Amino acid sequence: MTDWPATLRICQRELHKGRCCLGLNAKAHGWCSVDRHKDQWIECGMEPPDKEGESMKGEILPPAGAALAELLAPVEDDTMLAWPDFERECTTRAQVGWRMGVTGFVITGRALSDYRRRAGAGQWGAWLEQTLPISLQTAARLMRIGRDPNIGRHAETVNLVNGPLPSDQLILDEICGMGPEEFDGLVEQGVIHAEMRRGDLKRHLVETRHGGGQAEPPPLPDGQYGVILADPPWEFRTWSDAGKGRSPDMHYPTKSMAELMSMGPDVKAAAADDCHLFLWVGAGPRRDYEFLIEAWGFEPKGEAFVWTKGGALGLGYTVRYQHETCLRGTRGSPKTLNKDVGTWIDAPRREHSRKPDEVYQRIERLVAGPYLELFARPLERRPDWTYWGNDPALKEETA
């Protein structure tokens, strides 16, 4: 066995604020601290940089001149390699792959999987801690990437320095698990590409499921409704990609406040002269939602219901919300049926954005219909209710 670290050469080193960039073919792909790898550089026969701004360019050679295909191939099993050689092979591949961007993630993931398969989970954890500065969660992600046939196929056949795959582990993890035809189709469409961001794929799939996301919604149903219940697909702006995984637009196409206000004429046309409006709102300022109520032709009347969801934390900017609020508005002089309807609803959360069934029961006890629900995602139909929205189930009913 050749001693790989003794022959490893780094293609590029650039210091930036005390950090070193390690890349493939003079392309920067990953960051590591200078101190962490100083000993390894000395083993490679290179003087570690000691001044900010110092750099060196060249080419990266696979350890011992090994071809990339050799690094991507499974480590030979225990019938071919003695344990010390097998362990050294897995360790070196994992460490070298960690510095090589997309291709390296595949190499590292496969080396981690090979070692775990032979050594077992218990020994694997201790070895991982000594081999790479990553968590168990990151290791599991890398193994998923390494096992994925589509990513592996591209790693083996495509120049990934300028190729179609992103170099972010979290994004690569998002594109794992597809069939080859779907994967290649998304690459050809430009949905999967090197500069894509976290959540782009899921948003694309959501928009496709909902008819493209930008299609004109169906017209509001005709009729003079005495009650309108609306659960708009509010935008939730995040300050970085890290927060987008929980954003509503990962589940359905969202609408801005301006887009919702532009619906005013249609909502007014659907409402009876005497009508109640119930509006589920987000975490923004109360006055913004009251402006929307007014744009739809209603007078704001305060809170109708407050739904507490249990202990789980929801979205929020400063504090994380554990409840949702439904505001009320009126048009004309609508009547109420009963005086014993309370505001507090304590019910567990279910599917994303699905409201408690008790909301409908309380509205029906409080005011008379006919009832219209806007932006409906109904899993159960109720008599005397009309549903409008962009949910695929509603489209199938009206097709």
Protein backbone atom coordinates (compact mmCIF):
# COMPACT_ATOMS: atom_id res chain seq x y z
CA MET A 1 0.00 0.00 0.00
CA THR A 2 1.20 3.46 -0.89
CA ASP A 3 1.28 6.11 1.81
CA TRP A 4 -1.19 8.57 0.27
CA PRO A 5 -0.60 11.62 2.52
CA ALA A 6 3.11 11.57 1.65
CA THR A 7 2.33 12.17 -2.05
CA LEU A 8 -0.70 14.44 -1.78
CA ARG A 9 -0.27 17.86 -3.37
CA ILE A 10 -2.69 20.73 -2.88
CA CYS A 11 -3.67 22.63 -6.01
CA GLN A 12 -4.42 25.99 -4.46
CA ARG A 13 -4.04 27.74 -1.13
CA GLU A 14 -5.41 31.17 -0.50
CA LEU A 15 -5.60 32.67 2.92
CA HIS A 16 -8.57 34.84 3.73
CA LYS A 17 -9.04 36.03 7.27
CA GLY A 18 -6.97 33.17 8.62
CA ARG A 19 -8.62 30.44 6.59
CA CYS A 20 -7.34 28.33 3.72
CA CYS A 21 -9.25 27.41 0.59
CA LEU A 22 -8.67 23.92 -0.77
CA GLY A 23 -9.89 23.20 -4.28
CA LEU A 24 -9.81 21.02 -7.37
CA ASN A 25 -8.15 22.17 -10.61
CA ALA A 26 -7.56 25.64 -9.13
CA LYS A 27 -11.27 26.00 -8.33
CA ALA A 28 -12.19 26.76 -4.73
CA HIS A 29 -14.73 24.38 -3.25
CA GLY A 30 -14.30 24.07 0.50
CA TRP A 31 -12.89 25.85 3.54
CA CYS A 32 -10.85 24.47 6.38
CA SER A 33 -8.88 26.10 9.13
CA VAL A 34 -5.14 26.50 8.70
CA ASP A 35 -4.35 25.17 12.15
CA ARG A 36 -6.42 22.04 11.71
CA HIS A 37 -4.52 20.90 8.63
CA LYS A 38 -1.06 22.30 9.37
CA ASP A 39 0.30 18.89 10.35
CA GLN A 40 -1.09 17.28 7.21
CA TRP A 41 0.55 19.91 5.02
CA ILE A 42 3.87 19.23 6.70
CA GLU A 43 3.38 15.52 5.96
CA CYS A 44 2.87 16.42 2.31
CA GLY A 45 6.25 18.09 2.20
CA MET A 46 4.78 21.61 2.01
CA GLU A 47 5.39 24.55 4.28
CA PRO A 48 2.07 25.71 5.73
CA PRO A 49 1.29 29.37 4.95
CA ASP A 50 1.97 31.70 7.83
CA LYS A 51 0.92 35.04 6.38
CA GLU A 52 -2.44 36.28 5.20
CA GLY A 53 -2.43 36.74 1.45
CA GLU A 54 0.12 33.99 0.73
CA SER A 55 -1.05 31.59 -1.96
CA MET A 56 0.18 28.74 -4.10
CA LYS A 57 -1.41 27.38 -7.26
CA GLY A 58 -0.82 24.10 -9.03
CA GLU A 59 -2.84 20.96 -9.57
CA ILE A 60 -4.31 18.36 -7.29
CA LEU A 61 -3.12 14.83 -7.80
CA PRO A 62 -5.14 11.95 -6.43
CA PRO A 63 -3.15 10.23 -3.70
CA ALA A 64 -0.31 8.16 -5.14
CA GLY A 65 -1.43 9.24 -8.60
CA ALA A 66 -4.65 7.24 -8.29
CA ALA A 67 -7.27 7.94 -10.95
CA LEU A 68 -10.52 9.59 -9.90
CA ALA A 69 -12.38 6.42 -10.85
CA GLU A 70 -10.27 4.53 -8.32
CA LEU A 71 -11.25 6.93 -5.56
CA LEU A 72 -14.93 6.61 -6.46
CA ALA A 73 -14.85 2.82 -6.54
CA PRO A 74 -15.82 0.94 -3.37
CA VAL A 75 -13.01 0.11 -1.01
CA GLU A 76 -12.12 -3.53 -1.56
CA ASP A 77 -13.83 -5.80 0.94
CA ASP A 78 -12.24 -7.83 3.68
CA THR A 79 -11.36 -10.70 1.38
CA MET A 80 -8.88 -8.46 -0.45
CA LEU A 81 -7.44 -6.16 2.19
CA ALA A 82 -6.17 -6.83 5.68
CA TRP A 83 -7.85 -4.71 8.32
CA PRO A 84 -5.01 -2.16 8.82
CA ASP A 85 -4.84 -1.54 5.07
CA PHE A 86 -8.63 -1.32 4.78
CA GLU A 87 -8.85 1.16 7.64
CA ARG A 88 -6.05 3.29 6.22
CA GLU A 89 -7.70 3.28 2.79
CA CYS A 90 -11.07 4.41 4.18
CA THR A 91 -9.45 7.06 6.36
CA THR A 92 -7.43 8.55 3.53
CA ARG A 93 -10.30 8.57 1.06
CA ALA A 94 -12.58 10.24 3.59
CA GLN A 95 -10.01 12.95 4.35
CA VAL A 96 -9.01 13.56 0.72
CA GLY A 97 -12.60 13.57 -0.47
CA TRP A 98 -13.50 16.13 2.20
CA ARG A 99 -11.31 18.64 0.31
CA MET A 100 -12.62 18.04 -3.21
CA GLY A 101 -16.08 19.62 -3.47
CA VAL A 102 -18.93 17.63 -5.03
CA THR A 103 -16.79 14.74 -6.20
CA GLY A 104 -15.15 14.65 -2.80
CA PHE A 105 -18.49 14.47 -1.01
CA VAL A 106 -19.26 11.34 -3.02
CA ILE A 107 -15.83 9.85 -2.27
CA THR A 108 -16.11 10.71 1.43
CA GLY A 109 -19.67 9.39 1.69
CA ARG A 110 -18.75 6.13 0.05
CA ALA A 111 -15.69 5.70 2.26
CA LEU A 112 -17.83 6.31 5.36
CA SER A 113 -20.38 3.76 4.16
CA ASP A 114 -17.71 1.19 3.34
CA TYR A 115 -16.12 1.52 6.78
CA ARG A 116 -19.45 1.36 8.61
CA ARG A 117 -20.54 -1.70 6.66
CA ARG A 118 -17.45 -3.67 7.67
CA ALA A 119 -16.62 -2.26 11.12
CA GLY A 120 -20.14 -1.83 12.47
CA ALA A 121 -21.86 1.21 13.93
CA GLY A 122 -20.04 1.24 17.27
CA GLN A 123 -16.50 1.26 15.94
CA TRP A 124 -17.53 3.52 13.05
CA GLY A 125 -18.49 6.37 15.41
CA ALA A 126 -15.12 6.38 17.17
CA TRP A 127 -13.27 6.19 13.84
CA LEU A 128 -15.33 9.05 12.42
CA GLU A 129 -14.45 11.29 15.36
CA GLN A 130 -10.74 10.69 14.76
CA THR A 131 -10.95 10.98 10.97
CA LEU A 132 -13.08 14.03 10.14
CA PRO A 133 -14.23 17.16 12.01
CA ILE A 134 -17.92 16.52 11.30
CA SER A 135 -21.01 15.52 13.25
CA LEU A 136 -22.91 12.26 12.92
CA GLN A 137 -25.67 14.18 11.14
CA THR A 138 -23.23 15.48 8.52
CA ALA A 139 -21.74 12.01 8.12
CA ALA A 140 -25.19 10.54 7.50
CA ARG A 141 -25.85 13.25 4.91
CA LEU A 142 -22.56 12.49 3.14
CA MET A 143 -23.39 8.79 3.06
CA ARG A 144 -26.76 9.55 1.45
CA ILE A 145 -24.96 11.65 -1.15
CA GLY A 146 -22.38 8.93 -1.72
CA ARG A 147 -25.06 6.26 -2.16
CA ASP A 148 -27.25 8.30 -4.52
CA PRO A 149 -26.93 6.79 -8.02
CA ASN A 150 -27.66 10.05 -9.86
CA ILE A 151 -25.08 12.12 -8.01
CA GLY A 152 -22.62 9.25 -8.26
CA ARG A 153 -23.22 8.92 -11.99
CA HIS A 154 -22.44 12.59 -12.50
CA ALA A 155 -19.41 12.40 -10.23
CA GLU A 156 -18.04 9.58 -12.34
CA THR A 157 -18.76 11.06 -15.79
CA VAL A 158 -19.02 14.86 -15.53
CA ASN A 159 -16.42 17.53 -14.78
CA LEU A 160 -18.04 18.70 -11.57
CA VAL A 161 -15.80 21.74 -11.26
CA ASN A 162 -17.89 23.34 -14.01
CA GLY A 163 -20.69 20.80 -13.89
CA PRO A 164 -24.41 20.96 -13.12
CA LEU A 165 -24.39 20.04 -9.44
CA PRO A 166 -24.18 22.48 -6.50
CA SER A 167 -21.29 22.16 -4.07
CA ASP A 168 -23.48 22.62 -0.96
CA GLN A 169 -24.01 19.38 0.97
CA LEU A 170 -27.49 20.39 2.11
CA ILE A 171 -28.61 21.06 -1.46
CA LEU A 172 -27.09 17.81 -2.69
CA ASP A 173 -29.00 16.04 0.07
CA GLU A 174 -32.23 17.62 -1.21
CA ILE A 175 -31.75 16.15 -4.68
CA CYS A 176 -31.06 12.63 -3.42
CA GLY A 177 -33.57 9.86 -4.02
CA MET A 178 -34.92 10.71 -7.49
CA GLY A 179 -35.39 8.38 -10.41
CA PRO A 180 -32.85 8.83 -13.21
CA GLU A 181 -35.37 10.22 -15.71
CA GLU A 182 -36.70 12.81 -13.26
CA PHE A 183 -33.19 13.81 -12.21
CA ASP A 184 -31.88 14.19 -15.76
CA GLY A 185 -35.01 16.09 -16.77
CA LEU A 186 -34.51 18.61 -13.98
CA VAL A 187 -30.86 19.03 -14.99
CA GLU A 188 -31.91 19.65 -18.61
CA GLN A 189 -34.57 22.16 -17.49
CA GLY A 190 -31.99 24.03 -15.44
CA VAL A 191 -33.81 23.37 -12.17
CA ILE A 192 -30.78 21.47 -10.87
CA HIS A 193 -27.68 23.56 -11.52
CA ALA A 194 -24.44 24.58 -9.85
CA GLU A 195 -25.75 27.89 -8.48
CA MET A 196 -29.08 26.65 -7.11
CA ARG A 197 -29.97 27.54 -3.54
CA ARG A 198 -31.49 25.59 -0.70
CA GLY A 199 -35.20 25.02 -1.21
CA ASP A 200 -35.19 25.79 -4.96
CA LEU A 201 -35.98 22.20 -5.90
CA LYS A 202 -38.81 21.80 -3.43
CA ARG A 203 -40.35 25.12 -4.46
CA HIS A 204 -40.20 24.03 -8.10
CA LEU A 205 -41.92 20.74 -7.29
CA VAL A 206 -44.58 22.54 -5.24
CA GLU A 207 -45.28 24.99 -8.06
CA THR A 208 -45.45 22.15 -10.58
CA ARG A 209 -47.90 20.30 -8.36
CA HIS A 210 -50.05 23.41 -8.11
CA GLY A 211 -50.16 24.02 -11.83
CA GLY A 212 -47.06 26.17 -12.16
CA GLY A 213 -47.68 28.44 -9.19
CA GLN A 214 -48.12 31.50 -11.41
CA ALA A 215 -51.27 30.37 -13.23
CA GLU A 216 -54.36 32.53 -12.91
CA PRO A 217 -56.62 31.18 -10.15
CA PRO A 218 -60.18 30.24 -11.05
CA PRO A 219 -62.78 33.00 -10.68
CA LEU A 220 -64.48 33.29 -7.33
CA PRO A 221 -67.76 31.38 -7.20
CA ASP A 222 -70.95 33.28 -7.97
CA GLY A 223 -73.38 33.99 -5.17
CA GLN A 224 -74.01 36.20 -2.18
CA TYR A 225 -72.31 34.52 0.74
CA GLY A 226 -73.19 35.42 4.30
CA VAL A 227 -69.86 34.13 5.63
CA ILE A 228 -66.41 34.21 4.07
CA LEU A 229 -63.55 32.33 5.75
CA ALA A 230 -60.08 33.00 4.30
CA ASP A 231 -56.74 31.37 5.05
CA PRO A 232 -54.39 33.23 2.67
CA PRO A 233 -51.03 31.72 1.63
CA TRP A 234 -49.01 34.43 3.37
CA GLU A 235 -45.43 35.07 2.41
CA PHE A 236 -42.91 34.62 5.22
CA ARG A 237 -39.67 36.39 4.43
CA THR A 238 -36.48 34.83 5.71
CA TRP A 239 -33.16 36.57 6.23
CA SER A 240 -31.11 33.73 4.73
CA ASP A 241 -31.42 30.38 2.97
CA ALA A 242 -31.12 28.66 6.34
CA GLY A 243 -34.67 29.63 7.31
CA LYS A 244 -36.36 28.72 4.06
CA GLY A 245 -36.87 25.08 4.88
CA ARG A 246 -39.84 25.93 7.12
CA SER A 247 -41.21 28.71 4.92
CA PRO A 248 -44.80 28.31 3.60
CA ASP A 249 -43.64 28.51 -0.02
CA MET A 250 -41.97 25.14 0.54
CA HIS A 251 -45.52 23.71 0.71
CA TYR A 252 -47.60 25.85 -1.68
CA PRO A 253 -47.32 29.02 -3.82
CA THR A 254 -47.62 32.11 -1.62
CA LYS A 255 -49.08 35.58 -2.23
CA SER A 256 -47.85 39.02 -1.24
CA MET A 257 -50.04 41.51 0.61
CA ALA A 258 -50.39 43.54 -2.61
CA GLU A 259 -51.63 40.48 -4.51
CA LEU A 260 -54.17 39.74 -1.78
CA MET A 261 -55.41 43.34 -1.71
CA SER A 262 -55.94 43.25 -5.47
CA MET A 263 -58.61 40.59 -4.87
CA GLY A 264 -60.83 43.21 -3.22
CA PRO A 265 -63.35 43.66 -6.08
CA ASP A 266 -63.87 39.90 -6.44
CA VAL A 267 -64.33 39.35 -2.70
CA LYS A 268 -66.81 42.22 -2.51
CA ALA A 269 -68.77 40.71 -5.40
CA ALA A 270 -68.98 37.34 -3.62
CA ALA A 271 -70.06 38.81 -0.26
CA ALA A 272 -73.67 39.42 0.68
CA ASP A 273 -74.72 42.91 1.76
CA ASP A 274 -74.66 41.61 5.33
CA CYS A 275 -71.62 39.37 5.68
CA HIS A 276 -69.06 38.11 8.21
CA LEU A 277 -65.39 37.74 7.28
CA PHE A 278 -63.05 35.43 9.21
CA LEU A 279 -59.39 35.92 8.24
CA TRP A 280 -56.48 33.78 9.45
CA VAL A 281 -53.42 36.00 9.76
CA GLY A 282 -49.67 35.57 10.11
CA ALA A 283 -47.03 37.05 12.38
CA GLY A 284 -46.98 40.55 10.89
CA PRO A 285 -48.30 43.83 12.35
CA ARG A 286 -52.04 43.73 13.11
CA ARG A 287 -52.69 46.93 11.18
CA ASP A 288 -51.44 45.37 7.93
CA TYR A 289 -54.12 42.70 8.17
CA GLU A 290 -56.76 45.27 9.02
CA PHE A 291 -55.83 47.12 5.81
CA LEU A 292 -56.54 43.91 3.91
CA ILE A 293 -59.89 43.47 5.65
CA GLU A 294 -60.80 47.00 4.59
CA ALA A 295 -59.58 46.42 1.02
CA TRP A 296 -61.98 43.50 0.82
CA GLY A 297 -64.88 45.73 1.84
CA PHE A 298 -65.21 44.86 5.54
CA GLU A 299 -64.84 46.74 8.81
CA PRO A 300 -62.26 45.20 11.20
CA LYS A 301 -63.83 43.88 14.43
CA GLY A 302 -60.85 42.36 16.26
CA GLU A 303 -60.11 38.75 17.09
CA ALA A 304 -62.53 35.94 16.35
CA PHE A 305 -60.44 32.93 17.39
CA VAL A 306 -57.01 32.15 18.82
CA TRP A 307 -55.75 28.65 18.11
CA THR A 308 -53.03 27.31 20.41
CA LYS A 309 -51.11 24.42 18.87
CA GLY A 310 -49.39 22.81 21.84
CA GLY A 311 -45.71 23.00 22.68
CA ALA A 312 -44.12 22.97 19.21
CA LEU A 313 -42.46 26.19 18.06
CA GLY A 314 -43.58 27.77 14.82
CA LEU A 315 -42.28 30.58 12.61
CA GLY A 316 -41.30 33.99 13.94
CA TYR A 317 -38.65 36.69 13.74
CA THR A 318 -37.93 37.52 17.40
CA VAL A 319 -40.13 35.03 19.25
CA ARG A 320 -41.44 31.77 17.79
CA TYR A 321 -45.21 31.59 17.53
CA GLN A 322 -47.16 28.74 19.11
CA HIS A 323 -50.58 30.03 18.14
CA GLU A 324 -52.51 31.41 15.17
CA THR A 325 -55.04 34.22 15.17
CA CYS A 326 -58.23 34.55 13.16
CA LEU A 327 -59.51 38.12 12.81
CA ARG A 328 -63.11 39.10 12.17
CA GLY A 329 -64.67 41.75 9.96
CA THR A 330 -68.23 42.66 9.04
CA ARG A 331 -70.03 44.17 6.10
CA GLY A 332 -73.44 45.73 6.63
CA SER A 333 -75.33 44.47 9.69
CA PRO A 334 -74.95 40.68 9.82
CA LYS A 335 -76.75 38.78 12.58
CA THR A 336 -75.33 36.30 15.07
CA LEU A 337 -77.11 33.09 16.05
CA ASN A 338 -75.69 32.39 19.52
CA LYS A 339 -73.87 34.22 22.30
CA ASP A 340 -71.95 31.26 23.72
CA VAL A 341 -69.14 30.95 21.14
CA GLY A 342 -65.69 31.44 22.66
CA THR A 343 -62.44 32.61 21.08
CA TRP A 344 -59.97 30.09 22.54
CA ILE A 345 -59.32 26.87 20.59
CA ASP A 346 -56.83 24.37 22.02
CA ALA A 347 -56.11 21.73 19.38
CA PRO A 348 -52.99 19.93 18.10
CA ARG A 349 -51.42 20.87 14.80
CA ARG A 350 -51.92 18.49 11.90
CA GLU A 351 -50.87 18.77 8.24
CA HIS A 352 -49.15 22.00 7.26
CA SER A 353 -51.62 24.93 7.49
CA ARG A 354 -54.62 22.70 8.23
CA LYS A 355 -56.89 24.37 10.76
CA PRO A 356 -58.87 22.59 13.50
CA ASP A 357 -62.28 21.22 12.57
CA GLU A 358 -63.66 23.07 15.60
CA VAL A 359 -63.24 26.37 13.73
CA TYR A 360 -65.95 25.40 11.26
CA GLN A 361 -68.22 24.19 14.05
CA ARG A 362 -67.90 27.49 15.92
CA ILE A 363 -68.50 29.59 12.81
CA GLU A 364 -71.62 27.57 11.98
CA ARG A 365 -72.92 28.05 15.53
CA LEU A 366 -72.13 31.77 15.50
CA VAL A 367 -73.45 32.89 12.09
CA ALA A 368 -75.68 31.60 9.31
CA GLY A 369 -74.44 30.75 5.81
CA PRO A 370 -74.13 30.19 3.00
CA TYR A 371 -70.42 29.74 3.67
CA LEU A 372 -67.47 30.36 1.34
CA GLU A 373 -63.88 29.35 2.16
CA LEU A 374 -61.11 31.10 0.22
CA PHE A 375 -57.70 29.44 -0.30
CA ALA A 376 -59.24 26.22 0.88
CA ARG A 377 -57.23 23.06 1.36
CA PRO A 378 -60.13 20.91 2.52
CA LEU A 379 -59.49 17.30 3.42
CA GLU A 380 -63.10 16.89 4.54
CA ARG A 381 -66.17 18.48 2.91
CA ARG A 382 -68.89 20.08 5.00
CA PRO A 383 -72.48 20.71 3.86
CA ASP A 384 -73.41 24.31 3.00
CA TRP A 385 -69.77 25.21 2.34
CA THR A 386 -68.28 26.27 -1.00
CA TYR A 387 -64.52 25.89 -1.43
CA TRP A 388 -62.25 28.02 -3.61
CA GLY A 389 -58.49 27.85 -4.06
CA ASN A 390 -55.50 26.51 -5.93
CA ASP A 391 -55.29 23.18 -4.12
CA PRO A 392 -54.80 20.28 -6.56
CA ALA A 393 -57.74 18.40 -5.00
CA LEU A 394 -60.06 21.31 -5.82
CA LYS A 395 -58.76 21.42 -9.39
CA GLU A 396 -59.51 17.74 -9.82
CA GLU A 397 -63.09 18.26 -8.66
CA THR A 398 -63.70 21.08 -11.14
CA ALA A 399 -61.82 19.48 -14.05
